[in-house]
C-alpha atoms as a PDB file:
ATOM      1  CA  MET A   1      -0.018   0.025   0.004  1.00  0.00           C
ATOM      2  CA  ARG A   2       1.277   3.434  -0.909  1.00  0.00           C
ATOM      3  CA  THR A   3       1.974   6.279   1.591  1.00  0.00           C
ATOM      4  CA  HIS A   4       0.448   9.728   1.190  1.00  0.00           C
ATOM      5  CA  GLU A   5       2.720  12.657   2.009  1.00  0.00           C
ATOM      6  CA  SER A   6       0.945  16.026   1.805  1.00  0.00           C
ATOM      7  CA  ALA A   7       4.264  17.691   2.469  1.00  0.00           C
ATOM      8  CA  ILE A   8       7.751  16.658   3.329  1.00  0.00           C
ATOM      9  CA  GLU A   9       9.739  19.404   4.985  1.00  0.00           C
ATOM     10  CA  ARG A  10      13.107  19.395   6.597  1.00  0.00           C
ATOM     11  CA  THR A  11      15.433  22.372   7.184  1.00  0.00           C
ATOM     12  CA  LEU A  12      19.104  21.535   7.522  1.00  0.00           C
ATOM     13  CA  ASP A  13      21.977  23.727   8.744  1.00  0.00           C
ATOM     14  CA  GLY A  14      23.024  26.256   6.121  1.00  0.00           C
ATOM     15  CA  GLY A  15      19.569  27.455   4.988  1.00  0.00           C
ATOM     16  CA  LEU A  16      18.270  24.489   3.043  1.00  0.00           C
ATOM     17  CA  GLY A  17      14.627  23.460   2.490  1.00  0.00           C
ATOM     18  CA  ILE A  18      13.491  20.244   0.801  1.00  0.00           C
ATOM     19  CA  SER A  19       9.939  19.334   0.068  1.00  0.00           C
ATOM     20  CA  ARG A  20       7.833  17.443  -2.484  1.00  0.00           C
ATOM     21  CA  ALA A  21       4.339  17.182  -3.904  1.00  0.00           C
ATOM     22  CA  PHE A  22       2.472  14.369  -5.654  1.00  0.00           C
ATOM     23  CA  GLY A  23       1.036  14.237  -9.128  1.00  0.00           C
ATOM     24  CA  THR A  24      -2.324  13.018 -10.368  1.00  0.00           C
ATOM     25  CA  PHE A  25      -3.445  10.680 -13.183  1.00  0.00           C
ATOM     26  CA  GLY A  26      -5.698  13.149 -15.028  1.00  0.00           C
ATOM     27  CA  GLU A  27      -8.954  13.546 -13.201  1.00  0.00           C
ATOM     28  CA  LEU A  28     -11.772  11.276 -12.093  1.00  0.00           C
ATOM     29  CA  LEU A  29     -14.170  14.000 -13.265  1.00  0.00           C
ATOM     30  CA  GLN A  30     -13.770  17.383 -14.932  1.00  0.00           C
ATOM     31  CA  GLY A  31     -16.373  19.736 -16.259  1.00  0.00           C
ATOM     32  CA  VAL A  32     -18.515  22.812 -15.569  1.00  0.00           C
ATOM     33  CA  LEU A  33     -21.090  23.081 -12.730  1.00  0.00           C
ATOM     34  CA  PRO A  34     -24.655  24.302 -13.197  1.00  0.00           C
ATOM     35  CA  ASP A  35     -25.002  26.234  -9.920  1.00  0.00           C
ATOM     36  CA  ASN A  36     -22.123  28.616 -10.352  1.00  0.00           C
ATOM     37  CA  GLY A  37     -20.780  28.089 -13.881  1.00  0.00           C
ATOM     38  CA  LEU A  38     -17.293  27.319 -12.549  1.00  0.00           C
ATOM     39  CA  ASP A  39     -14.895  24.826 -14.077  1.00  0.00           C
ATOM     40  CA  PHE A  40     -13.977  22.085 -11.628  1.00  0.00           C
ATOM     41  CA  LEU A  41     -12.099  18.784 -11.430  1.00  0.00           C
ATOM     42  CA  VAL A  42     -11.717  15.858  -9.014  1.00  0.00           C
ATOM     43  CA  THR A  43      -8.163  14.773  -8.480  1.00  0.00           C
ATOM     44  CA  LEU A  44      -6.806  11.196  -8.533  1.00  0.00           C
ATOM     45  CA  PRO A  45      -3.464  11.362  -6.633  1.00  0.00           C
ATOM     46  CA  ILE A  46      -0.716   8.946  -7.680  1.00  0.00           C
ATOM     47  CA  ASP A  47       2.542   7.940  -6.116  1.00  0.00           C
ATOM     48  CA  LEU A  48       4.883   9.947  -8.421  1.00  0.00           C
ATOM     49  CA  TRP A  49       6.382  13.199  -7.144  1.00  0.00           C
ATOM     50  CA  SER A  50       8.125  16.418  -7.806  1.00  0.00           C
ATOM     51  CA  THR A  51      10.833  17.204  -5.324  1.00  0.00           C
ATOM     52  CA  ALA A  52      12.116  20.753  -4.739  1.00  0.00           C
ATOM     53  CA  ARG A  53      15.314  21.874  -2.947  1.00  0.00           C
ATOM     54  CA  PHE A  54      16.071  25.422  -2.120  1.00  0.00           C
ATOM     55  CA  ASP A  55      19.576  26.480  -1.086  1.00  0.00           C
ATOM     56  CA  VAL A  56      19.556  29.934   0.448  1.00  0.00           C
ATOM     57  CA  GLY A  57      22.194  32.257  -0.984  1.00  0.00           C
ATOM     58  CA  PRO A  58      23.966  35.292   0.446  1.00  0.00           C
ATOM     59  CA  ALA A  59      22.218  38.656   0.826  1.00  0.00           C
ATOM     60  CA  ASP A  60      21.168  40.300  -2.399  1.00  0.00           C
ATOM     61  CA  CYS A  61      21.850  37.193  -4.568  1.00  0.00           C
ATOM     62  CA  PRO A  62      19.216  36.442  -7.272  1.00  0.00           C
ATOM     63  CA  VAL A  63      16.985  33.395  -7.419  1.00  0.00           C
ATOM     64  CA  THR A  64      17.997  30.784 -10.001  1.00  0.00           C
ATOM     65  CA  VAL A  65      16.250  27.564 -10.945  1.00  0.00           C
ATOM     66  CA  ARG A  66      17.542  24.238 -12.215  1.00  0.00           C
ATOM     67  CA  PRO A  67      16.642  22.964 -14.731  1.00  0.00           C
ATOM     68  CA  ALA A  68      16.459  26.329 -16.430  1.00  0.00           C
ATOM     69  CA  HIS A  69      13.220  25.662 -18.311  1.00  0.00           C
ATOM     70  CA  LYS A  70      11.238  25.529 -15.053  1.00  0.00           C
ATOM     71  CA  ARG A  71      10.382  29.171 -15.453  1.00  0.00           C
ATOM     72  CA  LYS A  72       6.988  28.950 -13.644  1.00  0.00           C
ATOM     73  CA  SER A  73       8.821  27.710 -10.509  1.00  0.00           C
ATOM     74  CA  LEU A  74      11.272  30.632 -10.808  1.00  0.00           C
ATOM     75  CA  THR A  75       8.374  33.097 -11.019  1.00  0.00           C
ATOM     76  CA  LEU A  76       6.742  31.552  -7.989  1.00  0.00           C
ATOM     77  CA  ALA A  77      10.011  31.756  -6.014  1.00  0.00           C
ATOM     78  CA  ARG A  78      10.369  35.490  -6.801  1.00  0.00           C
ATOM     79  CA  MET A  79       6.724  36.152  -5.899  1.00  0.00           C
ATOM     80  CA  LEU A  80       7.004  34.285  -2.615  1.00  0.00           C
ATOM     81  CA  LEU A  81      10.171  36.038  -1.467  1.00  0.00           C
ATOM     82  CA  ALA A  82       8.798  39.378  -2.398  1.00  0.00           C
ATOM     83  CA  ARG A  83       5.581  38.614  -0.529  1.00  0.00           C
ATOM     84  CA  HIS A  84       7.606  38.148   2.645  1.00  0.00           C
ATOM     85  CA  GLY A  85      10.038  40.940   2.072  1.00  0.00           C
ATOM     86  CA  ILE A  86      13.023  38.622   1.789  1.00  0.00           C
ATOM     87  CA  ASP A  87      15.898  40.337  -0.013  1.00  0.00           C
ATOM     88  CA  ARG A  88      18.046  37.214  -0.589  1.00  0.00           C
ATOM     89  CA  GLY A  89      17.621  34.462  -3.123  1.00  0.00           C
ATOM     90  CA  GLY A  90      19.262  31.101  -3.729  1.00  0.00           C
ATOM     91  CA  THR A  91      19.095  28.164  -5.966  1.00  0.00           C
ATOM     92  CA  LEU A  92      15.822  26.221  -6.557  1.00  0.00           C
ATOM     93  CA  THR A  93      16.330  22.675  -7.924  1.00  0.00           C
ATOM     94  CA  ILE A  94      13.481  20.638  -9.179  1.00  0.00           C
ATOM     95  CA  HIS A  95      13.621  16.859  -9.634  1.00  0.00           C
ATOM     96  CA  SER A  96      10.362  15.321 -11.020  1.00  0.00           C
ATOM     97  CA  ALA A  97       9.202  11.827 -11.904  1.00  0.00           C
ATOM     98  CA  LEU A  98       6.239  13.428 -13.634  1.00  0.00           C
ATOM     99  CA  PRO A  99       6.414  13.848 -17.421  1.00  0.00           C
ATOM    100  CA  GLU A 100       5.460  17.414 -18.645  1.00  0.00           C
ATOM    101  CA  GLY A 101       2.394  18.169 -20.678  1.00  0.00           C
ATOM    102  CA  LYS A 102       0.716  14.824 -20.287  1.00  0.00           C
ATOM    103  CA  GLY A 103      -1.974  15.636 -17.721  1.00  0.00           C
ATOM    104  CA  LEU A 104      -0.265  14.315 -14.655  1.00  0.00           C
ATOM    105  CA  ALA A 105      -0.110  17.648 -12.786  1.00  0.00           C
ATOM    106  CA  SER A 106       3.592  17.997 -13.249  1.00  0.00           C
ATOM    107  CA  SER A 107       3.505  21.780 -13.236  1.00  0.00           C
ATOM    108  CA  SER A 108       1.276  22.040 -10.221  1.00  0.00           C
ATOM    109  CA  ALA A 109       3.374  19.585  -8.307  1.00  0.00           C
ATOM    110  CA  ASP A 110       6.591  21.537  -9.213  1.00  0.00           C
ATOM    111  CA  LEU A 111       5.065  24.782  -7.935  1.00  0.00           C
ATOM    112  CA  VAL A 112       3.702  23.317  -4.662  1.00  0.00           C
ATOM    113  CA  ALA A 113       6.885  21.560  -3.883  1.00  0.00           C
ATOM    114  CA  ALA A 114       8.947  24.690  -4.609  1.00  0.00           C
ATOM    115  CA  CYS A 115       6.678  26.857  -2.411  1.00  0.00           C
ATOM    116  CA  ARG A 116       7.014  24.434   0.514  1.00  0.00           C
ATOM    117  CA  ALA A 117      10.788  24.098   0.078  1.00  0.00           C
ATOM    118  CA  ILE A 118      11.365  27.837   0.059  1.00  0.00           C
ATOM    119  CA  CYS A 119       9.179  28.367   3.154  1.00  0.00           C
ATOM    120  CA  SER A 120      10.892  25.501   4.899  1.00  0.00           C
ATOM    121  CA  ALA A 121      14.320  27.071   4.117  1.00  0.00           C
ATOM    122  CA  PHE A 122      13.372  30.348   5.697  1.00  0.00           C
ATOM    123  CA  GLY A 123      11.091  29.001   8.438  1.00  0.00           C
ATOM    124  CA  ILE A 124       7.992  30.644   7.055  1.00  0.00           C
ATOM    125  CA  PRO A 125       4.607  29.286   8.084  1.00  0.00           C
ATOM    126  CA  LEU A 126       2.645  28.184   5.046  1.00  0.00           C
ATOM    127  CA  ALA A 127      -1.109  27.624   4.568  1.00  0.00           C
ATOM    128  CA  ASN A 128      -2.659  25.994   1.582  1.00  0.00           C
ATOM    129  CA  SER A 129      -4.675  29.161   0.953  1.00  0.00           C
ATOM    130  CA  THR A 130      -1.356  30.955   0.468  1.00  0.00           C
ATOM    131  CA  ILE A 131      -0.226  28.415  -2.011  1.00  0.00           C
ATOM    132  CA  GLU A 132      -3.509  28.888  -3.878  1.00  0.00           C
ATOM    133  CA  ASP A 133      -2.993  32.673  -3.967  1.00  0.00           C
ATOM    134  CA  LEU A 134       0.463  32.263  -5.498  1.00  0.00           C
ATOM    135  CA  LEU A 135      -0.478  29.606  -8.073  1.00  0.00           C
ATOM    136  CA  ARG A 136      -3.582  31.507  -9.092  1.00  0.00           C
ATOM    137  CA  ALA A 137      -1.320  34.267 -10.426  1.00  0.00           C
ATOM    138  CA  ILE A 138       0.697  31.867 -12.594  1.00  0.00           C
ATOM    139  CA  GLU A 139      -1.750  29.282 -14.126  1.00  0.00           C
ATOM    140  CA  PRO A 140      -4.774  27.136 -13.607  1.00  0.00           C
ATOM    141  CA  THR A 141      -3.810  24.443 -11.161  1.00  0.00           C
ATOM    142  CA  ASP A 142      -4.691  21.020  -9.768  1.00  0.00           C
ATOM    143  CA  GLY A 143      -5.518  20.667  -6.085  1.00  0.00           C
ATOM    144  CA  VAL A 144      -2.250  18.811  -5.191  1.00  0.00           C
ATOM    145  CA  MET A 145      -1.579  21.039  -2.175  1.00  0.00           C
ATOM    146  CA  TYR A 146      -4.398  19.160  -0.396  1.00  0.00           C
ATOM    147  CA  PRO A 147      -4.141  15.523   0.772  1.00  0.00           C
ATOM    148  CA  GLY A 148      -6.339  12.891  -0.933  1.00  0.00           C
ATOM    149  CA  SER A 149      -8.894  13.435  -3.650  1.00  0.00           C
ATOM    150  CA  VAL A 150     -10.476  16.897  -3.713  1.00  0.00           C
ATOM    151  CA  ALA A 151     -13.064  18.694  -5.817  1.00  0.00           C
ATOM    152  CA  PHE A 152     -11.191  21.839  -6.986  1.00  0.00           C
ATOM    153  CA  TYR A 153     -11.870  24.933  -8.992  1.00  0.00           C
ATOM    154  CA  HIS A 154      -8.740  24.806 -11.083  1.00  0.00           C
ATOM    155  CA  ARG A 155      -9.148  28.047 -12.924  1.00  0.00           C
ATOM    156  CA  GLN A 156      -9.718  29.903  -9.648  1.00  0.00           C
ATOM    157  CA  ALA A 157      -7.172  27.799  -7.823  1.00  0.00           C
ATOM    158  CA  ARG A 158      -9.648  27.251  -4.969  1.00  0.00           C
ATOM    159  CA  LEU A 159     -10.821  24.188  -2.976  1.00  0.00           C
ATOM    160  CA  ARG A 160     -14.469  23.156  -3.221  1.00  0.00           C
ATOM    161  CA  GLU A 161     -14.453  20.108  -1.035  1.00  0.00           C
ATOM    162  CA  HIS A 162     -12.240  17.469   0.508  1.00  0.00           C
ATOM    163  CA  LEU A 163     -13.357  14.001  -0.599  1.00  0.00           C
ATOM    164  CA  GLY A 164     -11.103  11.723   1.340  1.00  0.00           C
ATOM    165  CA  GLN A 165      -8.360   9.299   0.315  1.00  0.00           C
ATOM    166  CA  PRO A 166      -8.720   7.371  -2.951  1.00  0.00           C
ATOM    167  CA  PRO A 167      -8.939   3.600  -2.784  1.00  0.00           C
ATOM    168  CA  PRO A 168      -5.970   1.424  -3.687  1.00  0.00           C
ATOM    169  CA  LEU A 169      -6.042   1.522  -7.487  1.00  0.00           C
ATOM    170  CA  THR A 170      -3.716   0.549 -10.344  1.00  0.00           C
ATOM    171  CA  ILE A 171      -3.986   2.559 -13.538  1.00  0.00           C
ATOM    172  CA  VAL A 172      -2.759   0.949 -16.693  1.00  0.00           C
ATOM    173  CA  GLY A 173      -1.868   3.986 -18.697  1.00  0.00           C
ATOM    174  CA  VAL A 174      -1.235   4.758 -22.335  1.00  0.00           C
ATOM    175  CA  ASP A 175       0.060   7.974 -23.848  1.00  0.00           C
ATOM    176  CA  GLU A 176      -1.296   9.172 -27.162  1.00  0.00           C
ATOM    177  CA  GLY A 177       1.799  11.395 -27.646  1.00  0.00           C
ATOM    178  CA  GLY A 178       2.490  15.114 -27.776  1.00  0.00           C
ATOM    179  CA  ALA A 179       1.959  17.607 -25.008  1.00  0.00           C
ATOM    180  CA  VAL A 180      -0.810  20.032 -23.976  1.00  0.00           C
ATOM    181  CA  PRO A 181       0.144  23.428 -22.523  1.00  0.00           C
ATOM    182  CA  THR A 182      -2.023  24.138 -19.501  1.00  0.00           C
ATOM    183  CA  VAL A 183      -2.562  27.885 -19.941  1.00  0.00           C
ATOM    184  CA  ALA A 184      -3.423  27.662 -23.639  1.00  0.00           C
ATOM    185  CA  PHE A 185      -5.785  24.744 -23.060  1.00  0.00           C
ATOM    186  CA  ASN A 186      -7.763  26.587 -20.409  1.00  0.00           C
ATOM    187  CA  ARG A 187      -8.380  29.462 -22.788  1.00  0.00           C
ATOM    188  CA  ILE A 188     -10.470  27.207 -25.034  1.00  0.00           C
ATOM    189  CA  PRO A 189     -14.234  27.886 -24.564  1.00  0.00           C
ATOM    190  CA  LYS A 190     -16.016  24.922 -23.048  1.00  0.00           C
ATOM    191  CA  PRO A 191     -18.661  23.457 -25.415  1.00  0.00           C
ATOM    192  CA  PHE A 192     -20.918  22.404 -22.598  1.00  0.00           C
ATOM    193  CA  GLY A 193     -24.525  23.702 -22.504  1.00  0.00           C
ATOM    194  CA  PRO A 194     -27.105  23.764 -19.678  1.00  0.00           C
ATOM    195  CA  ALA A 195     -27.899  20.061 -20.009  1.00  0.00           C
ATOM    196  CA  ASP A 196     -24.240  19.078 -19.912  1.00  0.00           C
ATOM    197  CA  ARG A 197     -23.705  21.247 -16.795  1.00  0.00           C
ATOM    198  CA  ARG A 198     -26.607  19.624 -14.997  1.00  0.00           C
ATOM    199  CA  GLU A 199     -25.150  16.227 -15.807  1.00  0.00           C
ATOM    200  CA  TYR A 200     -21.762  17.362 -14.442  1.00  0.00           C
ATOM    201  CA  GLY A 201     -23.548  18.412 -11.227  1.00  0.00           C
ATOM    202  CA  ARG A 202     -25.160  15.026 -10.948  1.00  0.00           C
ATOM    203  CA  LEU A 203     -21.889  13.230 -11.688  1.00  0.00           C
ATOM    204  CA  LEU A 204     -20.087  15.224  -8.992  1.00  0.00           C
ATOM    205  CA  ASP A 205     -22.787  14.359  -6.418  1.00  0.00           C
ATOM    206  CA  THR A 206     -22.509  10.708  -7.396  1.00  0.00           C
ATOM    207  CA  LEU A 207     -18.719  10.632  -7.250  1.00  0.00           C
ATOM    208  CA  VAL A 208     -18.649  12.328  -3.824  1.00  0.00           C
ATOM    209  CA  ARG A 209     -20.931   9.597  -2.473  1.00  0.00           C
ATOM    210  CA  ALA A 210     -18.977   6.841  -4.257  1.00  0.00           C
ATOM    211  CA  LEU A 211     -15.617   7.970  -2.879  1.00  0.00           C
ATOM    212  CA  ARG A 212     -16.980   8.311   0.686  1.00  0.00           C
ATOM    213  CA  GLU A 213     -18.707   4.933   0.540  1.00  0.00           C
ATOM    214  CA  ARG A 214     -15.842   3.238  -1.241  1.00  0.00           C
ATOM    215  CA  ASP A 215     -18.134   2.320  -4.095  1.00  0.00           C
ATOM    216  CA  LEU A 216     -15.434   1.601  -6.710  1.00  0.00           C
ATOM    217  CA  VAL A 217     -17.908   0.443  -9.368  1.00  0.00           C
ATOM    218  CA  THR A 218     -19.763   3.764  -9.402  1.00  0.00           C
ATOM    219  CA  MET A 219     -16.451   5.692  -9.199  1.00  0.00           C
ATOM    220  CA  GLY A 220     -15.289   3.947 -12.370  1.00  0.00           C
ATOM    221  CA  GLU A 221     -18.577   4.604 -14.115  1.00  0.00           C
ATOM    222  CA  VAL A 222     -18.315   8.347 -13.335  1.00  0.00           C
ATOM    223  CA  ALA A 223     -14.693   8.476 -14.482  1.00  0.00           C
ATOM    224  CA  THR A 224     -15.612   6.757 -17.759  1.00  0.00           C
ATOM    225  CA  ARG A 225     -18.629   9.100 -18.431  1.00  0.00           C
ATOM    226  CA  SER A 226     -16.399  12.118 -17.791  1.00  0.00           C
ATOM    227  CA  ALA A 227     -13.883  10.877 -20.300  1.00  0.00           C
ATOM    228  CA  VAL A 228     -16.626  10.297 -22.861  1.00  0.00           C
ATOM    229  CA  MET A 229     -18.081  13.806 -22.318  1.00  0.00           C
ATOM    230  CA  ASN A 230     -14.627  15.366 -22.699  1.00  0.00           C
ATOM    231  CA  GLN A 231     -14.397  14.039 -26.293  1.00  0.00           C
ATOM    232  CA  ARG A 232     -16.027  17.239 -27.505  1.00  0.00           C
ATOM    233  CA  LEU A 233     -13.355  19.349 -25.912  1.00  0.00           C
ATOM    234  CA  ARG A 234     -10.117  17.267 -26.345  1.00  0.00           C
ATOM    235  CA  PRO A 235     -10.888  14.039 -28.109  1.00  0.00           C
ATOM    236  CA  LYS A 236      -8.752  10.909 -27.431  1.00  0.00           C
ATOM    237  CA  ARG A 237      -8.439   8.657 -30.450  1.00  0.00           C
ATOM    238  CA  MET A 238      -7.964   5.518 -28.282  1.00  0.00           C
ATOM    239  CA  LEU A 239     -10.857   6.127 -25.907  1.00  0.00           C
ATOM    240  CA  ASP A 240     -13.339   3.715 -27.478  1.00  0.00           C
ATOM    241  CA  GLU A 241     -10.785   0.870 -27.514  1.00  0.00           C
ATOM    242  CA  MET A 242      -9.685   1.596 -23.917  1.00  0.00           C
ATOM    243  CA  CYS A 243     -13.332   1.392 -22.863  1.00  0.00           C
ATOM    244  CA  ARG A 244     -13.700  -1.913 -24.626  1.00  0.00           C
ATOM    245  CA  ILE A 245     -10.578  -3.179 -22.979  1.00  0.00           C
ATOM    246  CA  SER A 246     -11.958  -2.213 -19.610  1.00  0.00           C
ATOM    247  CA  ARG A 247     -15.266  -3.936 -20.176  1.00  0.00           C
ATOM    248  CA  THR A 248     -13.760  -7.121 -21.560  1.00  0.00           C
ATOM    249  CA  ALA A 249     -11.359  -7.467 -18.556  1.00  0.00           C
ATOM    250  CA  GLY A 250     -14.032  -6.525 -15.976  1.00  0.00           C
ATOM    251  CA  ALA A 251     -12.073  -3.458 -14.883  1.00  0.00           C
ATOM    252  CA  LEU A 252     -13.650  -0.459 -13.114  1.00  0.00           C
ATOM    253  CA  GLY A 253     -13.551   1.917 -16.035  1.00  0.00           C
ATOM    254  CA  VAL A 254     -11.396   4.479 -17.890  1.00  0.00           C
ATOM    255  CA  VAL A 255      -9.884   7.574 -16.474  1.00  0.00           C
ATOM    256  CA  ALA A 256      -8.625  10.485 -18.691  1.00  0.00           C
ATOM    257  CA  ALA A 257      -6.227  13.352 -18.451  1.00  0.00           C
ATOM    258  CA  HIS A 258      -8.969  15.757 -19.683  1.00  0.00           C
ATOM    259  CA  SER A 259      -6.372  18.414 -20.543  1.00  0.00           C
ATOM    260  CA  GLY A 260      -3.546  16.028 -21.320  1.00  0.00           C
ATOM    261  CA  THR A 261      -2.535  13.099 -23.542  1.00  0.00           C
ATOM    262  CA  VAL A 262      -2.926   9.986 -21.278  1.00  0.00           C
ATOM    263  CA  LEU A 263      -5.745   7.532 -20.752  1.00  0.00           C
ATOM    264  CA  GLY A 264      -5.856   4.730 -18.126  1.00  0.00           C
ATOM    265  CA  VAL A 265      -7.846   1.605 -17.242  1.00  0.00           C
ATOM    266  CA  LEU A 266      -8.715   1.551 -13.525  1.00  0.00           C
ATOM    267  CA  LEU A 267      -8.195  -1.713 -11.515  1.00  0.00           C
ATOM    268  CA  ALA A 268      -9.108  -2.251  -7.854  1.00  0.00           C
ATOM    269  CA  GLU A 269      -6.097  -3.713  -6.110  1.00  0.00           C
ATOM    270  CA  GLU A 270      -8.224  -5.477  -3.532  1.00  0.00           C
ATOM    271  CA  ASP A 271     -10.136  -7.342  -6.215  1.00  0.00           C
ATOM    272  CA  PRO A 272      -9.542 -11.130  -5.829  1.00  0.00           C
ATOM    273  CA  GLU A 273      -9.154 -11.267  -9.647  1.00  0.00           C
ATOM    274  CA  TYR A 274      -6.732  -8.278  -9.671  1.00  0.00           C
ATOM    275  CA  GLU A 275      -3.689 -10.161 -11.079  1.00  0.00           C
ATOM    276  CA  ASN A 276      -5.693 -11.807 -13.817  1.00  0.00           C
ATOM    277  CA  ARG A 277      -7.382  -8.548 -14.754  1.00  0.00           C
ATOM    278  CA  LEU A 278      -4.073  -6.649 -14.693  1.00  0.00           C
ATOM    279  CA  THR A 279      -2.472  -9.142 -17.142  1.00  0.00           C
ATOM    280  CA  ARG A 280      -5.372  -8.958 -19.520  1.00  0.00           C
ATOM    281  CA  VAL A 281      -5.525  -5.126 -19.503  1.00  0.00           C
ATOM    282  CA  ARG A 282      -1.728  -4.763 -19.917  1.00  0.00           C
ATOM    283  CA  ASP A 283      -1.589  -7.125 -22.854  1.00  0.00           C
ATOM    284  CA  ALA A 284      -4.559  -5.443 -24.519  1.00  0.00           C
ATOM    285  CA  CYS A 285      -3.146  -1.968 -24.002  1.00  0.00           C
ATOM    286  CA  ARG A 286       0.216  -2.968 -25.342  1.00  0.00           C
ATOM    287  CA  GLU A 287      -1.427  -4.348 -28.465  1.00  0.00           C
ATOM    288  CA  LEU A 288      -3.403  -1.148 -28.830  1.00  0.00           C
ATOM    289  CA  ALA A 289      -0.706   1.434 -28.104  1.00  0.00           C
ATOM    290  CA  GLY A 290       2.602  -0.430 -28.210  1.00  0.00           C
ATOM    291  CA  HIS A 291       3.503   0.597 -24.687  1.00  0.00           C
ATOM    292  CA  THR A 292       1.957   0.926 -21.276  1.00  0.00           C
ATOM    293  CA  ALA A 293       2.879   2.422 -17.928  1.00  0.00           C
ATOM    294  CA  LEU A 294       1.615   1.382 -14.482  1.00  0.00           C
ATOM    295  CA  TYR A 295       0.543   4.046 -11.941  1.00  0.00           C
ATOM    296  CA  HIS A 296      -0.796   3.581  -8.415  1.00  0.00           C
ATOM    297  CA  SER A 297      -3.162   5.691  -6.378  1.00  0.00           C
ATOM    298  CA  LEU A 298      -1.646   7.427  -3.330  1.00  0.00           C
ATOM    299  CA  VAL A 299      -3.186   6.001  -0.233  1.00  0.00           C
ATOM    300  CA  ASP A 300      -2.658   7.470   3.243  1.00  0.00           C
ATOM    301  CA  VAL A 301      -1.320   4.826   5.607  1.00  0.00           C
ATOM    302  CA  GLY A 302       0.622   6.948   8.110  1.00  0.00           C
ATOM    303  CA  PRO A 303       2.193  10.222   9.013  1.00  0.00           C
ATOM    304  CA  PRO A 304       4.420  11.966   6.453  1.00  0.00           C
ATOM    305  CA  HIS A 305       8.138  11.538   6.550  1.00  0.00           C
ATOM    306  CA  SER A 306      11.086  13.201   4.843  1.00  0.00           C
ATOM    307  CA  PRO A 307      12.821  11.951   1.684  1.00  0.00           C
ATOM    308  CA  SER A 308      16.186  10.407   2.107  1.00  0.00           C
ATOM    309  CA  VAL A 309      18.544  13.344   2.903  1.00  0.00           C
ATOM    310  CA  ASP A 310      22.050  13.096   4.291  1.00  0.00           C
ATOM    311  CA  ARG A 311      23.585  15.800   6.487  1.00  0.00           C
ATOM    312  CA  SER A 312      25.244  17.396   3.457  1.00  0.00           C
ATOM    313  CA  GLY A 313      21.734  17.999   2.028  1.00  0.00           C
ATOM    314  CA  ASN A 314      22.084  15.538  -0.839  1.00  0.00           C
ATOM    315  CA  LEU A 315      18.887  13.782  -2.000  1.00  0.00           C
END
């Protein structure tokens, strides 16, 4: 069973902060609500991470980021330091197991991890509402600053509701290729009318109950329906075949990165037929896409702990 860590923070001698944040496999549900017209999503946390390290520099030194293309993290670091009137920078280093532009919340995880690492380095108290404020000014974001699955207004970077921990799941994922830029995608007008919005409202109510009651069959049905409805916004060419694979193997359903390039078949790890279903789904997905990757939901089984760090600050 996988361990959830909402934050990992450790400050070492010499002004060093290290933290990390998890990614998500797309969304269990994403759409527009009828009551307020806001875009929302429901996260599916997975046990892949972005890790940030911030080494405090001398007074008046600038902030730098490694790798250099992590420009959003650099922007966040400058905003955060300015917010607290700190006139010294340092080096922000990001290591991520999350591929970029695929719909796995890589950018959100980078930003949350960076925010926590910098605050850890300077001993600054940090609330999730502060992280939301900072990320809101940069891009639409997933709710990865919160533990477990959440309903989240991603364009407003604001929590709607905590939904609890996801069940132990395996996701057999395929990648259709390419990359989707988050900011550009969220400028696209949503083609969802009043009937669609009412359905999204019903789906959210159903998913909230399913997660809280551990009704995995209903959870899979909602995720599949959301993936199908999203075909009008960002179609996935493999979706029909992935749905067929799921039905044939007796899996829970299909989950999509609504603003990304990946699709996955959901399997319950506590299913007595798990191993047999997993083999069947992997074989079928390999035949379809030529490749697969396995992901696992992030389940809370204990208190958070730090990543492996030696006294020199090396990860």
